[in-house]
Each structure stands twice: as C-alpha cells, then as structure tokens.
C-alpha cells in the first residue's frame, strides 16, 4: 500500500498501528487504505487533534459480510508483508467506513492476528470511545457485521476516536 507502519501490541490480539505514506515506495494501483491519499484531510485531522482515525475488526467471514455490506465497507483485497498475507476490505476511494466510526474489516487467515507475533509491550487497551455525528448509523453497522465488544458511542460534531491505554506509567488517552 506504499506506507510506513509502526506497531505496538496492546493486548492478546490487539495492536496500535501508526501508518504514514512512504514516498519512496511505489504508489499502489488502487486507492491506499485509511484515506491516506487525501493528505489535505489527514493533515487537517491531525491539526484538529483527531489523530486516531479509525479501527479494524477481525472476521473470518469477510466474503459474506462484504456480500451484504460491501457498499459501505469496500471490496476484498489480498495484502502481504514479509511472510504474512491476509485479506482486507478497502473502499474504492480508500476512505474509512462512516468516516472512521465503523471499522475496516480484516481476515488474518489461519495464521491468526499479527499481534500474536509481536512482543508484549506492557501497554494494554482498556476501552475505546467514538464520537460521531450519527452514532445510530455506527451502532447499526456494528450490529450488521456482528461486532463483538463494540466501542462506546456518543454524538459529536466530527468523528473522533479516544483510546484509553494502561501503561506502566499509568493511564493514557490517545485521540
């Protein structure tokens, strides 16, 4: 996808991924995931303190879910890095479903989540809160895809994610 990625394990199968364009990499044929081709928007969100832009949910039913919800969630793409390959849903324009209030979907395959191969960091995700203009639409999406343990939702003027992380130095909030 032409990106730099840094990962931090935050639980058994949970990790935080910081992603940025890799200007030295070949540009992909299709839109990059996570809205990264819209750098004006990425920079505006960053400046406004909306730096945590979305989340990804694991499923083993990617094909059937996209058959029902593909208009909102995107199309299946095969992605790989090193010796790991997985399937990921990406919208045609690369944007987040519901502007980040709904997850992108991933199927890690038989090998399981990438977090299992990461060292334990000492940090642990406690909870996620999503503010968005239409929390009912986000809740409806969660129900449609069968999202287990969905984030808390509340109404707000823009989509904004807040992640509460327990660290050895105490609780920290990423937004």
N, C-alpha and C. Protein backbone atom coordinates (compact mmCIF):
# COMPACT_ATOMS: atom_id res chain seq x y z
N UNK A 1 0.81 -1.21 0.00
CA UNK A 1 0.00 0.00 0.00
C UNK A 1 0.85 1.27 0.00
N UNK A 2 2.17 1.11 -0.04
CA UNK A 2 3.03 2.28 -0.09
C UNK A 2 3.04 3.06 1.21
N UNK A 3 3.16 2.34 2.33
CA UNK A 3 3.12 3.01 3.63
C UNK A 3 4.26 2.56 4.53
N UNK A 4 4.58 3.40 5.51
CA UNK A 4 5.43 3.05 6.65
C UNK A 4 4.47 2.62 7.76
N UNK A 5 4.82 1.62 8.53
CA UNK A 5 3.94 1.15 9.59
C UNK A 5 4.77 0.86 10.84
N UNK A 6 4.31 1.34 11.98
CA UNK A 6 4.90 1.01 13.28
C UNK A 6 3.80 0.40 14.13
N UNK A 7 4.13 -0.68 14.84
CA UNK A 7 3.11 -1.42 15.58
C UNK A 7 3.47 -1.55 17.05
N UNK A 8 2.43 -1.54 17.89
CA UNK A 8 2.60 -1.70 19.33
C UNK A 8 1.49 -2.61 19.83
N UNK A 9 1.87 -3.73 20.39
CA UNK A 9 0.89 -4.69 20.92
C UNK A 9 0.23 -4.10 22.16
N UNK A 10 -1.12 -4.16 22.18
CA UNK A 10 -1.90 -3.61 23.29
C UNK A 10 -2.81 -4.64 23.94
N UNK A 11 -2.58 -5.91 23.68
CA UNK A 11 -3.41 -6.96 24.26
C UNK A 11 -3.17 -8.26 23.54
N UNK A 12 -3.97 -9.26 23.88
CA UNK A 12 -3.80 -10.61 23.32
C UNK A 12 -3.79 -10.58 21.79
N UNK A 13 -4.78 -9.94 21.20
CA UNK A 13 -4.84 -9.88 19.73
C UNK A 13 -5.11 -8.45 19.25
N UNK A 14 -4.68 -7.47 20.05
CA UNK A 14 -4.94 -6.06 19.77
C UNK A 14 -3.61 -5.33 19.61
N UNK A 15 -3.55 -4.45 18.61
CA UNK A 15 -2.35 -3.62 18.48
C UNK A 15 -2.72 -2.26 17.90
N UNK A 16 -1.87 -1.30 18.19
CA UNK A 16 -1.97 0.04 17.63
C UNK A 16 -1.02 0.09 16.45
N UNK A 17 -1.50 0.65 15.36
CA UNK A 17 -0.64 0.78 14.18
C UNK A 17 -0.62 2.23 13.75
N UNK A 18 0.58 2.79 13.69
CA UNK A 18 0.79 4.13 13.19
C UNK A 18 1.21 3.98 11.73
N UNK A 19 0.47 4.64 10.84
CA UNK A 19 0.69 4.45 9.40
C UNK A 19 0.88 5.81 8.73
N UNK A 20 1.86 5.88 7.85
CA UNK A 20 2.11 7.10 7.08
C UNK A 20 2.52 6.72 5.67
N UNK A 21 2.38 7.66 4.76
CA UNK A 21 2.82 7.43 3.39
C UNK A 21 4.32 7.18 3.36
N UNK A 22 4.72 6.27 2.51
CA UNK A 22 6.13 6.05 2.22
C UNK A 22 6.36 6.61 0.82
N UNK A 23 6.88 7.80 0.77
CA UNK A 23 7.03 8.49 -0.52
C UNK A 23 8.05 7.79 -1.43
N UNK A 24 8.92 6.96 -0.87
CA UNK A 24 9.90 6.22 -1.67
C UNK A 24 9.31 4.95 -2.27
N UNK A 25 8.17 4.51 -1.75
CA UNK A 25 7.55 3.27 -2.24
C UNK A 25 6.75 3.54 -3.51
N UNK A 26 6.59 2.49 -4.28
CA UNK A 26 5.76 2.57 -5.49
C UNK A 26 4.31 2.82 -5.08
N UNK A 27 3.66 3.76 -5.75
CA UNK A 27 2.27 4.07 -5.46
C UNK A 27 1.40 2.89 -5.92
N UNK A 28 0.48 2.43 -5.07
CA UNK A 28 -0.38 1.31 -5.48
C UNK A 28 -1.33 1.71 -6.61
N UNK A 29 -1.81 0.72 -7.34
CA UNK A 29 -2.72 0.96 -8.45
C UNK A 29 -4.07 1.50 -7.97
N UNK A 30 -4.52 1.03 -6.82
CA UNK A 30 -5.80 1.47 -6.26
C UNK A 30 -5.55 2.46 -5.13
N UNK A 31 -6.62 3.05 -4.63
CA UNK A 31 -6.51 3.99 -3.50
C UNK A 31 -5.89 3.28 -2.29
N UNK A 32 -5.06 4.01 -1.57
CA UNK A 32 -4.49 3.48 -0.34
C UNK A 32 -5.58 3.41 0.73
N UNK A 33 -5.41 2.46 1.64
CA UNK A 33 -6.35 2.32 2.75
C UNK A 33 -6.23 3.50 3.71
N UNK A 34 -7.21 3.60 4.58
CA UNK A 34 -7.26 4.56 5.67
C UNK A 34 -7.26 6.02 5.21
N UNK A 35 -7.67 6.27 3.97
CA UNK A 35 -7.77 7.64 3.47
C UNK A 35 -6.45 8.34 3.29
N UNK A 36 -5.35 7.59 3.21
CA UNK A 36 -4.03 8.21 3.17
C UNK A 36 -3.74 8.98 1.89
N UNK A 37 -4.50 8.75 0.83
CA UNK A 37 -4.29 9.53 -0.39
C UNK A 37 -4.84 10.94 -0.24
N UNK A 38 -5.71 11.17 0.70
CA UNK A 38 -6.27 12.50 0.96
C UNK A 38 -5.44 13.24 1.99
N UNK A 39 -4.22 13.61 1.64
CA UNK A 39 -3.30 14.21 2.60
C UNK A 39 -3.78 15.54 3.17
N UNK A 40 -4.56 16.30 2.41
CA UNK A 40 -5.13 17.54 2.96
C UNK A 40 -6.01 17.21 4.15
N UNK A 41 -6.85 16.20 4.01
CA UNK A 41 -7.72 15.77 5.11
C UNK A 41 -6.91 15.19 6.27
N UNK A 42 -5.91 14.38 5.96
CA UNK A 42 -5.07 13.78 7.01
C UNK A 42 -4.43 14.89 7.83
N UNK A 43 -3.88 15.89 7.17
CA UNK A 43 -3.22 16.99 7.89
C UNK A 43 -4.23 17.81 8.69
N UNK A 44 -5.41 18.06 8.14
CA UNK A 44 -6.43 18.82 8.86
C UNK A 44 -6.89 18.07 10.11
N UNK A 45 -7.11 16.77 9.99
CA UNK A 45 -7.48 15.96 11.16
C UNK A 45 -6.38 16.00 12.21
N UNK A 46 -5.14 15.88 11.78
CA UNK A 46 -4.01 15.90 12.70
C UNK A 46 -3.98 17.24 13.46
N UNK A 47 -4.09 18.34 12.71
CA UNK A 47 -4.06 19.66 13.33
C UNK A 47 -5.21 19.87 14.31
N UNK A 48 -6.35 19.23 14.04
CA UNK A 48 -7.53 19.37 14.91
C UNK A 48 -7.50 18.39 16.09
N UNK A 49 -6.43 17.61 16.21
CA UNK A 49 -6.32 16.66 17.32
C UNK A 49 -7.03 15.34 17.08
N UNK A 50 -7.48 15.11 15.85
CA UNK A 50 -8.12 13.84 15.50
C UNK A 50 -7.07 12.95 14.83
N UNK A 51 -6.15 12.45 15.64
CA UNK A 51 -5.02 11.69 15.12
C UNK A 51 -5.27 10.20 15.08
N UNK A 52 -6.09 9.72 15.97
CA UNK A 52 -6.52 8.32 15.95
C UNK A 52 -7.74 8.29 15.05
N UNK A 53 -7.61 7.73 13.84
CA UNK A 53 -8.64 7.93 12.81
C UNK A 53 -9.59 6.76 12.60
N UNK A 54 -9.31 5.62 13.10
CA UNK A 54 -10.22 4.52 12.85
C UNK A 54 -9.73 3.25 13.50
N UNK A 55 -10.50 2.19 13.28
CA UNK A 55 -10.14 0.90 13.85
C UNK A 55 -10.46 -0.21 12.87
N UNK A 56 -9.88 -1.35 13.12
CA UNK A 56 -10.04 -2.51 12.25
C UNK A 56 -10.60 -3.65 13.09
N UNK A 57 -11.55 -4.37 12.53
CA UNK A 57 -12.16 -5.51 13.23
C UNK A 57 -11.86 -6.79 12.47
N UNK A 58 -11.50 -7.81 13.22
CA UNK A 58 -11.17 -9.12 12.67
C UNK A 58 -12.43 -9.94 12.43
N UNK A 59 -12.44 -10.65 11.30
CA UNK A 59 -13.54 -11.56 10.98
C UNK A 59 -13.01 -12.74 10.19
N UNK A 60 -13.68 -13.85 10.30
CA UNK A 60 -13.38 -14.99 9.43
C UNK A 60 -14.46 -15.12 8.36
N UNK A 61 -15.36 -14.14 8.30
CA UNK A 61 -16.49 -14.14 7.37
C UNK A 61 -16.43 -12.94 6.43
N UNK A 62 -15.24 -12.55 6.00
CA UNK A 62 -15.09 -11.34 5.20
C UNK A 62 -15.91 -11.39 3.92
N UNK A 63 -15.82 -12.47 3.17
CA UNK A 63 -16.57 -12.58 1.91
C UNK A 63 -18.07 -12.39 2.10
N UNK A 64 -18.71 -13.16 2.99
CA UNK A 64 -20.14 -12.99 3.20
C UNK A 64 -20.52 -11.60 3.73
N UNK A 65 -19.71 -11.04 4.62
CA UNK A 65 -20.02 -9.70 5.14
C UNK A 65 -19.95 -8.66 4.03
N UNK A 66 -18.95 -8.76 3.17
CA UNK A 66 -18.84 -7.81 2.07
C UNK A 66 -19.94 -8.04 1.04
N UNK A 67 -20.40 -9.28 0.92
CA UNK A 67 -21.53 -9.55 0.04
C UNK A 67 -22.78 -8.80 0.49
N UNK A 68 -22.94 -8.66 1.81
CA UNK A 68 -24.11 -7.94 2.35
C UNK A 68 -23.84 -6.45 2.55
N UNK A 69 -22.64 -6.11 2.99
CA UNK A 69 -22.34 -4.73 3.43
C UNK A 69 -21.24 -4.07 2.61
N UNK A 70 -20.91 -4.63 1.45
CA UNK A 70 -19.79 -4.13 0.66
C UNK A 70 -19.90 -2.69 0.23
N UNK A 71 -21.12 -2.20 0.00
CA UNK A 71 -21.28 -0.80 -0.41
C UNK A 71 -20.71 0.14 0.65
N UNK A 72 -20.84 -0.22 1.90
CA UNK A 72 -20.33 0.62 2.99
C UNK A 72 -18.90 0.29 3.37
N UNK A 73 -18.54 -0.99 3.25
CA UNK A 73 -17.26 -1.45 3.80
C UNK A 73 -16.16 -1.63 2.76
N UNK A 74 -16.50 -1.77 1.50
CA UNK A 74 -15.48 -1.87 0.47
C UNK A 74 -15.37 -3.25 -0.16
N UNK A 75 -14.28 -3.43 -0.86
CA UNK A 75 -14.02 -4.67 -1.58
C UNK A 75 -12.81 -5.38 -0.98
N UNK A 76 -12.81 -6.69 -1.12
CA UNK A 76 -11.75 -7.52 -0.55
C UNK A 76 -10.47 -7.38 -1.38
N UNK A 77 -9.36 -7.16 -0.68
CA UNK A 77 -8.04 -7.13 -1.32
C UNK A 77 -7.11 -8.06 -0.56
N UNK A 78 -6.26 -8.74 -1.29
CA UNK A 78 -5.23 -9.58 -0.70
C UNK A 78 -4.02 -8.69 -0.44
N UNK A 79 -3.51 -8.72 0.78
CA UNK A 79 -2.39 -7.87 1.18
C UNK A 79 -1.32 -8.77 1.79
N UNK A 80 -0.06 -8.38 1.65
CA UNK A 80 1.01 -9.17 2.27
C UNK A 80 2.14 -8.27 2.72
N UNK A 81 2.87 -8.77 3.68
CA UNK A 81 4.11 -8.14 4.13
C UNK A 81 4.99 -9.26 4.65
N UNK A 82 6.17 -9.36 4.10
CA UNK A 82 7.07 -10.44 4.51
C UNK A 82 6.43 -11.79 4.24
N UNK A 83 6.42 -12.65 5.26
CA UNK A 83 5.85 -13.99 5.10
C UNK A 83 4.39 -14.07 5.52
N UNK A 84 3.76 -12.94 5.76
CA UNK A 84 2.37 -12.91 6.21
C UNK A 84 1.48 -12.34 5.10
N UNK A 85 0.32 -12.97 4.88
CA UNK A 85 -0.67 -12.48 3.91
C UNK A 85 -2.04 -12.53 4.56
N UNK A 86 -2.90 -11.59 4.19
CA UNK A 86 -4.24 -11.51 4.77
C UNK A 86 -5.18 -10.84 3.79
N UNK A 87 -6.47 -10.88 4.08
CA UNK A 87 -7.49 -10.22 3.25
C UNK A 87 -8.04 -9.03 4.02
N UNK A 88 -8.26 -7.95 3.30
CA UNK A 88 -8.66 -6.68 3.91
C UNK A 88 -9.73 -6.03 3.06
N UNK A 89 -10.71 -5.40 3.69
CA UNK A 89 -11.74 -4.67 2.95
C UNK A 89 -11.31 -3.21 2.81
N UNK A 90 -11.27 -2.73 1.57
CA UNK A 90 -10.88 -1.35 1.29
C UNK A 90 -11.95 -0.73 0.40
N UNK A 91 -12.42 0.44 0.79
CA UNK A 91 -13.39 1.17 -0.04
C UNK A 91 -12.68 1.67 -1.29
N UNK A 92 -13.43 1.87 -2.36
CA UNK A 92 -12.85 2.27 -3.65
C UNK A 92 -12.00 3.54 -3.53
N UNK A 93 -12.45 4.48 -2.70
CA UNK A 93 -11.69 5.72 -2.54
C UNK A 93 -10.70 5.65 -1.38
N UNK A 94 -10.61 4.50 -0.72
CA UNK A 94 -9.68 4.30 0.38
C UNK A 94 -10.14 4.86 1.71
N UNK A 95 -11.29 5.51 1.75
CA UNK A 95 -11.74 6.16 2.98
C UNK A 95 -12.21 5.17 4.03
N UNK A 96 -12.27 5.64 5.28
CA UNK A 96 -12.79 4.85 6.39
C UNK A 96 -14.30 4.69 6.27
N UNK A 97 -14.85 3.53 6.58
CA UNK A 97 -16.32 3.40 6.65
C UNK A 97 -16.87 4.35 7.71
N UNK A 98 -17.93 5.05 7.36
CA UNK A 98 -18.56 6.03 8.25
C UNK A 98 -17.52 6.99 8.84
N UNK A 99 -16.57 7.39 8.02
CA UNK A 99 -15.53 8.35 8.41
C UNK A 99 -14.73 7.89 9.62
N UNK A 100 -14.62 6.60 9.85
CA UNK A 100 -13.85 6.06 10.96
C UNK A 100 -14.69 5.60 12.13
N UNK A 101 -15.99 5.88 12.10
CA UNK A 101 -16.88 5.43 13.18
C UNK A 101 -17.19 3.94 13.05
N UNK A 102 -17.05 3.40 11.85
CA UNK A 102 -17.23 1.96 11.61
C UNK A 102 -15.86 1.39 11.22
N UNK A 103 -15.64 0.12 11.49
CA UNK A 103 -14.31 -0.45 11.24
C UNK A 103 -14.09 -0.87 9.80
N UNK A 104 -12.83 -0.90 9.43
CA UNK A 104 -12.41 -1.67 8.26
C UNK A 104 -12.39 -3.12 8.74
N UNK A 105 -12.57 -4.05 7.83
CA UNK A 105 -12.59 -5.47 8.20
C UNK A 105 -11.35 -6.17 7.67
N UNK A 106 -10.87 -7.13 8.47
CA UNK A 106 -9.68 -7.89 8.11
C UNK A 106 -9.92 -9.37 8.42
N UNK A 107 -9.40 -10.23 7.56
CA UNK A 107 -9.38 -11.67 7.81
C UNK A 107 -7.91 -12.09 7.79
N UNK A 108 -7.37 -12.40 8.96
CA UNK A 108 -5.97 -12.76 9.08
C UNK A 108 -5.68 -14.16 8.54
N UNK A 109 -6.72 -14.96 8.30
CA UNK A 109 -6.50 -16.31 7.83
C UNK A 109 -6.10 -17.24 8.96
N UNK A 110 -5.63 -18.42 8.59
CA UNK A 110 -5.34 -19.48 9.56
C UNK A 110 -4.21 -19.11 10.52
N UNK A 111 -3.33 -18.25 10.12
CA UNK A 111 -2.19 -17.89 10.98
C UNK A 111 -2.61 -17.04 12.18
N UNK A 112 -3.73 -16.35 12.07
CA UNK A 112 -4.22 -15.55 13.18
C UNK A 112 -3.69 -14.13 13.16
N UNK A 113 -4.12 -13.34 14.14
CA UNK A 113 -3.77 -11.91 14.18
C UNK A 113 -2.27 -11.67 14.27
N UNK A 114 -1.81 -10.60 13.65
CA UNK A 114 -0.40 -10.23 13.68
C UNK A 114 0.09 -9.95 15.09
N UNK A 115 -0.79 -9.50 15.97
CA UNK A 115 -0.38 -9.18 17.35
C UNK A 115 0.25 -10.39 18.04
N UNK A 116 -0.17 -11.58 17.66
CA UNK A 116 0.37 -12.78 18.29
C UNK A 116 1.87 -12.94 18.06
N UNK A 117 2.39 -12.31 17.00
CA UNK A 117 3.82 -12.39 16.68
C UNK A 117 4.61 -11.21 17.25
N UNK A 118 3.94 -10.29 17.94
CA UNK A 118 4.60 -9.10 18.46
C UNK A 118 5.01 -9.31 19.91
N UNK A 119 6.07 -8.63 20.33
CA UNK A 119 6.44 -8.71 21.74
C UNK A 119 5.40 -8.02 22.61
N UNK A 120 5.25 -8.49 23.83
CA UNK A 120 4.35 -7.84 24.78
C UNK A 120 4.96 -6.50 25.14
N UNK A 121 4.14 -5.45 25.09
CA UNK A 121 4.67 -4.09 25.25
C UNK A 121 4.57 -3.54 26.66
N UNK A 122 3.73 -4.13 27.49
CA UNK A 122 3.47 -3.56 28.81
C UNK A 122 2.34 -2.56 28.79
N UNK A 123 1.81 -2.24 27.62
CA UNK A 123 0.65 -1.36 27.47
C UNK A 123 -0.56 -2.22 27.11
N UNK A 124 -1.74 -1.81 27.56
CA UNK A 124 -2.94 -2.60 27.30
C UNK A 124 -4.12 -1.69 27.01
N UNK A 125 -4.82 -1.96 25.91
CA UNK A 125 -6.01 -1.20 25.58
C UNK A 125 -7.10 -1.51 26.60
N UNK A 126 -7.67 -0.46 27.20
CA UNK A 126 -8.73 -0.62 28.19
C UNK A 126 -10.11 -0.44 27.56
N UNK A 127 -10.25 0.62 26.75
CA UNK A 127 -11.55 0.87 26.12
C UNK A 127 -11.38 1.90 25.01
N UNK A 128 -12.39 1.95 24.14
CA UNK A 128 -12.43 2.90 23.04
C UNK A 128 -13.77 3.60 23.06
N UNK A 129 -13.75 4.90 22.86
CA UNK A 129 -14.95 5.72 22.73
C UNK A 129 -14.90 6.41 21.38
N UNK A 130 -16.02 6.39 20.67
CA UNK A 130 -16.09 7.07 19.38
C UNK A 130 -17.18 8.12 19.45
N UNK A 131 -16.80 9.35 19.16
CA UNK A 131 -17.75 10.44 18.97
C UNK A 131 -17.98 10.55 17.47
N UNK A 132 -19.23 10.72 17.07
CA UNK A 132 -19.52 10.87 15.64
C UNK A 132 -20.87 11.55 15.45
N UNK A 133 -21.10 12.13 14.28
CA UNK A 133 -22.36 12.81 14.03
C UNK A 133 -23.58 11.89 14.04
N UNK A 134 -23.39 10.61 13.71
CA UNK A 134 -24.53 9.68 13.63
C UNK A 134 -24.22 8.37 14.35
N UNK A 135 -24.26 8.37 15.69
CA UNK A 135 -23.94 7.14 16.41
C UNK A 135 -24.92 5.99 16.12
N UNK A 136 -26.15 6.32 15.74
CA UNK A 136 -27.11 5.26 15.41
C UNK A 136 -26.66 4.50 14.17
N UNK A 137 -26.13 5.19 13.17
CA UNK A 137 -25.64 4.52 11.96
C UNK A 137 -24.45 3.63 12.31
N UNK A 138 -23.55 4.12 13.16
CA UNK A 138 -22.41 3.30 13.56
C UNK A 138 -22.88 2.06 14.32
N UNK A 139 -23.82 2.23 15.25
CA UNK A 139 -24.34 1.08 16.01
C UNK A 139 -25.02 0.09 15.07
N UNK A 140 -25.73 0.58 14.07
CA UNK A 140 -26.36 -0.30 13.09
C UNK A 140 -25.33 -1.09 12.30
N UNK A 141 -24.23 -0.45 11.95
CA UNK A 141 -23.15 -1.16 11.24
C UNK A 141 -22.55 -2.23 12.14
N UNK A 142 -22.30 -1.90 13.41
CA UNK A 142 -21.75 -2.88 14.34
C UNK A 142 -22.65 -4.11 14.42
N UNK A 143 -23.95 -3.85 14.48
CA UNK A 143 -24.89 -4.97 14.56
C UNK A 143 -24.89 -5.78 13.27
N UNK A 144 -24.86 -5.10 12.13
CA UNK A 144 -24.90 -5.78 10.84
C UNK A 144 -23.69 -6.69 10.63
N UNK A 145 -22.53 -6.29 11.14
CA UNK A 145 -21.34 -7.11 10.95
C UNK A 145 -21.08 -8.04 12.14
N UNK A 146 -21.92 -7.95 13.17
CA UNK A 146 -21.76 -8.82 14.33
C UNK A 146 -20.53 -8.47 15.17
N UNK A 147 -20.23 -7.18 15.29
CA UNK A 147 -19.05 -6.76 16.03
C UNK A 147 -19.18 -7.09 17.51
N UNK A 148 -18.27 -7.91 18.00
CA UNK A 148 -18.24 -8.27 19.42
C UNK A 148 -17.55 -7.15 20.19
N UNK A 149 -18.05 -6.82 21.35
CA UNK A 149 -17.46 -5.82 22.23
C UNK A 149 -17.20 -4.51 21.49
N UNK A 150 -18.25 -3.90 20.91
CA UNK A 150 -18.05 -2.67 20.14
C UNK A 150 -17.64 -1.50 21.03
N UNK A 151 -17.00 -0.50 20.43
CA UNK A 151 -16.65 0.70 21.20
C UNK A 151 -17.91 1.44 21.64
N UNK A 152 -17.77 2.20 22.71
CA UNK A 152 -18.86 3.07 23.16
C UNK A 152 -19.01 4.19 22.14
N UNK A 153 -20.23 4.66 21.97
CA UNK A 153 -20.53 5.71 21.00
C UNK A 153 -21.20 6.89 21.69
N UNK A 154 -20.89 8.10 21.22
CA UNK A 154 -21.64 9.28 21.63
C UNK A 154 -21.63 10.28 20.49
N UNK A 155 -22.63 11.12 20.48
CA UNK A 155 -22.78 12.10 19.41
C UNK A 155 -21.73 13.20 19.56
N UNK A 156 -21.18 13.60 18.42
CA UNK A 156 -20.21 14.70 18.37
C UNK A 156 -20.21 15.31 16.99
N UNK A 157 -19.65 16.50 16.81
CA UNK A 157 -19.70 17.18 15.51
C UNK A 157 -18.84 16.53 14.43
N UNK A 158 -17.78 15.83 14.84
CA UNK A 158 -16.86 15.16 13.92
C UNK A 158 -16.56 13.78 14.46
N UNK A 159 -16.14 12.89 13.59
CA UNK A 159 -15.71 11.59 14.08
C UNK A 159 -14.39 11.76 14.81
N UNK A 160 -14.37 11.25 16.02
CA UNK A 160 -13.18 11.35 16.89
C UNK A 160 -13.11 10.09 17.72
N UNK A 161 -11.97 9.43 17.70
CA UNK A 161 -11.76 8.23 18.49
C UNK A 161 -10.90 8.55 19.70
N UNK A 162 -11.23 7.96 20.82
CA UNK A 162 -10.46 8.08 22.05
C UNK A 162 -10.15 6.68 22.53
N UNK A 163 -8.88 6.38 22.71
CA UNK A 163 -8.47 5.06 23.20
C UNK A 163 -7.80 5.24 24.56
N UNK A 164 -8.30 4.53 25.55
CA UNK A 164 -7.72 4.56 26.88
C UNK A 164 -6.78 3.36 26.98
N UNK A 165 -5.51 3.67 27.26
CA UNK A 165 -4.46 2.64 27.29
C UNK A 165 -3.79 2.68 28.65
N UNK A 166 -3.71 1.52 29.28
CA UNK A 166 -2.99 1.39 30.55
C UNK A 166 -1.53 1.11 30.22
N UNK A 167 -0.64 1.94 30.78
CA UNK A 167 0.80 1.78 30.57
C UNK A 167 1.49 1.62 31.92
N UNK A 168 2.74 1.22 31.94
CA UNK A 168 3.46 1.14 33.22
C UNK A 168 3.53 2.50 33.94
N UNK A 169 3.37 3.59 33.21
CA UNK A 169 3.39 4.92 33.79
C UNK A 169 1.98 5.44 34.11
N UNK A 170 0.97 4.59 33.97
CA UNK A 170 -0.41 4.99 34.25
C UNK A 170 -1.25 5.05 32.99
N UNK A 171 -2.49 5.46 33.17
CA UNK A 171 -3.45 5.51 32.06
C UNK A 171 -3.13 6.68 31.13
N UNK A 172 -3.22 6.40 29.84
CA UNK A 172 -3.01 7.42 28.82
C UNK A 172 -4.18 7.38 27.85
N UNK A 173 -4.52 8.54 27.29
CA UNK A 173 -5.62 8.63 26.33
C UNK A 173 -5.05 9.10 25.01
N UNK A 174 -5.28 8.31 23.96
CA UNK A 174 -4.91 8.70 22.60
C UNK A 174 -6.17 9.19 21.91
N UNK A 175 -6.02 10.23 21.12
CA UNK A 175 -7.17 10.73 20.34
C UNK A 175 -6.72 11.09 18.94
